[in-house]
């Protein structure tokens, strides 16, 4: 059944690329935010602020790392 294995490999690969992409840290922050929100709700707290905060932290860290990479690349060109 090489067709089935090939299909499964492509299917799993698509979801890995879709959910994680090229930023494993950003995906980890997003999952951590979801887990933290879930735990806070289970403990009886309002957790409406956790997901937006996780998004801001994730995007900020991704942007900061991209800018650092760009600065390093420009410094290496000189």
C-alpha atoms as a PDB file:
ATOM      1  CA  UNK A   1       0.000   0.000   0.000  1.00  0.00           C
ATOM      2  CA  UNK A   2       2.550   2.608  -0.996  1.00  0.00           C
ATOM      3  CA  UNK A   3      -0.254   4.932  -2.069  1.00  0.00           C
ATOM      4  CA  UNK A   4      -1.746   5.046   1.424  1.00  0.00           C
ATOM      5  CA  UNK A   5       1.614   5.689   3.113  1.00  0.00           C
ATOM      6  CA  UNK A   6       2.419   8.440   0.651  1.00  0.00           C
ATOM      7  CA  UNK A   7      -0.968  10.032   1.257  1.00  0.00           C
ATOM      8  CA  UNK A   8      -0.552   9.843   5.054  1.00  0.00           C
ATOM      9  CA  UNK A   9       2.946  11.329   4.865  1.00  0.00           C
ATOM     10  CA  UNK A  10       1.704  14.261   2.765  1.00  0.00           C
ATOM     11  CA  UNK A  11      -1.352  14.725   5.020  1.00  0.00           C
ATOM     12  CA  UNK A  12       0.713  14.848   8.214  1.00  0.00           C
ATOM     13  CA  UNK A  13       3.304  17.064   6.531  1.00  0.00           C
ATOM     14  CA  UNK A  14       0.630  19.542   5.476  1.00  0.00           C
ATOM     15  CA  UNK A  15      -0.777  19.844   8.994  1.00  0.00           C
ATOM     16  CA  UNK A  16       2.693  20.151  10.520  1.00  0.00           C
ATOM     17  CA  UNK A  17       3.571  22.958   8.097  1.00  0.00           C
ATOM     18  CA  UNK A  18       0.176  24.602   8.539  1.00  0.00           C
ATOM     19  CA  UNK A  19       0.161  24.566  12.349  1.00  0.00           C
ATOM     20  CA  UNK A  20       3.845  25.090  13.075  1.00  0.00           C
ATOM     21  CA  UNK A  21       5.138  26.667   9.894  1.00  0.00           C
ATOM     22  CA  UNK A  22       8.697  27.842  10.151  1.00  0.00           C
ATOM     23  CA  UNK A  23       8.377  29.268  13.673  1.00  0.00           C
ATOM     24  CA  UNK A  24       8.356  26.531  16.293  1.00  0.00           C
ATOM     25  CA  UNK A  25       8.693  29.049  19.122  1.00  0.00           C
ATOM     26  CA  UNK A  26       5.628  30.973  17.930  1.00  0.00           C
ATOM     27  CA  UNK A  27       3.619  27.765  17.757  1.00  0.00           C
ATOM     28  CA  UNK A  28       4.796  26.867  21.251  1.00  0.00           C
ATOM     29  CA  UNK A  29       3.730  30.251  22.612  1.00  0.00           C
ATOM     30  CA  UNK A  30       0.306  29.861  21.000  1.00  0.00           C
ATOM     31  CA  UNK A  31      -0.181  26.368  22.439  1.00  0.00           C
ATOM     32  CA  UNK A  32       1.076  27.560  25.814  1.00  0.00           C
ATOM     33  CA  UNK A  33      -1.466  30.399  25.736  1.00  0.00           C
ATOM     34  CA  UNK A  34      -4.273  27.982  24.972  1.00  0.00           C
ATOM     35  CA  UNK A  35      -3.210  25.652  27.786  1.00  0.00           C
ATOM     36  CA  UNK A  36      -2.864  28.541  30.236  1.00  0.00           C
ATOM     37  CA  UNK A  37      -6.301  29.888  29.289  1.00  0.00           C
ATOM     38  CA  UNK A  38      -7.834  26.439  29.714  1.00  0.00           C
ATOM     39  CA  UNK A  39      -6.242  25.980  33.140  1.00  0.00           C
ATOM     40  CA  UNK A  40      -7.315  29.422  34.321  1.00  0.00           C
ATOM     41  CA  UNK A  41     -10.905  28.817  33.212  1.00  0.00           C
ATOM     42  CA  UNK A  42     -10.929  25.426  34.957  1.00  0.00           C
ATOM     43  CA  UNK A  43      -9.754  27.178  38.140  1.00  0.00           C
ATOM     44  CA  UNK A  44     -12.602  29.679  37.856  1.00  0.00           C
ATOM     45  CA  UNK A  45     -10.708  32.743  36.606  1.00  0.00           C
ATOM     46  CA  UNK A  46     -11.540  34.960  33.644  1.00  0.00           C
ATOM     47  CA  UNK A  47      -8.995  34.143  30.956  1.00  0.00           C
ATOM     48  CA  UNK A  48     -10.223  36.245  28.041  1.00  0.00           C
ATOM     49  CA  UNK A  49      -6.936  38.190  28.054  1.00  0.00           C
ATOM     50  CA  UNK A  50      -4.587  35.213  27.736  1.00  0.00           C
ATOM     51  CA  UNK A  51      -5.026  34.467  24.019  1.00  0.00           C
ATOM     52  CA  UNK A  52      -4.526  38.081  22.806  1.00  0.00           C
ATOM     53  CA  UNK A  53      -1.496  38.358  25.074  1.00  0.00           C
ATOM     54  CA  UNK A  54      -0.066  35.124  23.656  1.00  0.00           C
ATOM     55  CA  UNK A  55      -0.585  36.439  20.114  1.00  0.00           C
ATOM     56  CA  UNK A  56       1.176  39.722  20.919  1.00  0.00           C
ATOM     57  CA  UNK A  57       4.087  37.908  22.565  1.00  0.00           C
ATOM     58  CA  UNK A  58       4.351  35.429  19.692  1.00  0.00           C
ATOM     59  CA  UNK A  59       4.299  38.077  16.950  1.00  0.00           C
ATOM     60  CA  UNK A  60       6.676  40.344  18.872  1.00  0.00           C
ATOM     61  CA  UNK A  61       9.206  37.586  19.445  1.00  0.00           C
ATOM     62  CA  UNK A  62       8.993  36.489  15.816  1.00  0.00           C
ATOM     63  CA  UNK A  63       9.514  40.054  14.587  1.00  0.00           C
ATOM     64  CA  UNK A  64      12.401  40.621  17.004  1.00  0.00           C
ATOM     65  CA  UNK A  65      14.159  37.441  15.872  1.00  0.00           C
ATOM     66  CA  UNK A  66      13.631  38.322  12.196  1.00  0.00           C
ATOM     67  CA  UNK A  67      15.116  41.786  12.724  1.00  0.00           C
ATOM     68  CA  UNK A  68      18.130  40.314  14.510  1.00  0.00           C
ATOM     69  CA  UNK A  69      18.695  37.871  11.632  1.00  0.00           C
ATOM     70  CA  UNK A  70      18.502  40.737   9.155  1.00  0.00           C
ATOM     71  CA  UNK A  71      20.986  42.819  11.156  1.00  0.00           C
ATOM     72  CA  UNK A  72      23.391  39.888  11.329  1.00  0.00           C
ATOM     73  CA  UNK A  73      23.088  39.309   7.586  1.00  0.00           C
ATOM     74  CA  UNK A  74      23.795  42.971   6.847  1.00  0.00           C
ATOM     75  CA  UNK A  75      26.779  42.954   9.213  1.00  0.00           C
ATOM     76  CA  UNK A  76      28.143  39.844   7.490  1.00  0.00           C
ATOM     77  CA  UNK A  77      27.891  41.561   4.081  1.00  0.00           C
ATOM     78  CA  UNK A  78      30.154  44.374   5.186  1.00  0.00           C
END
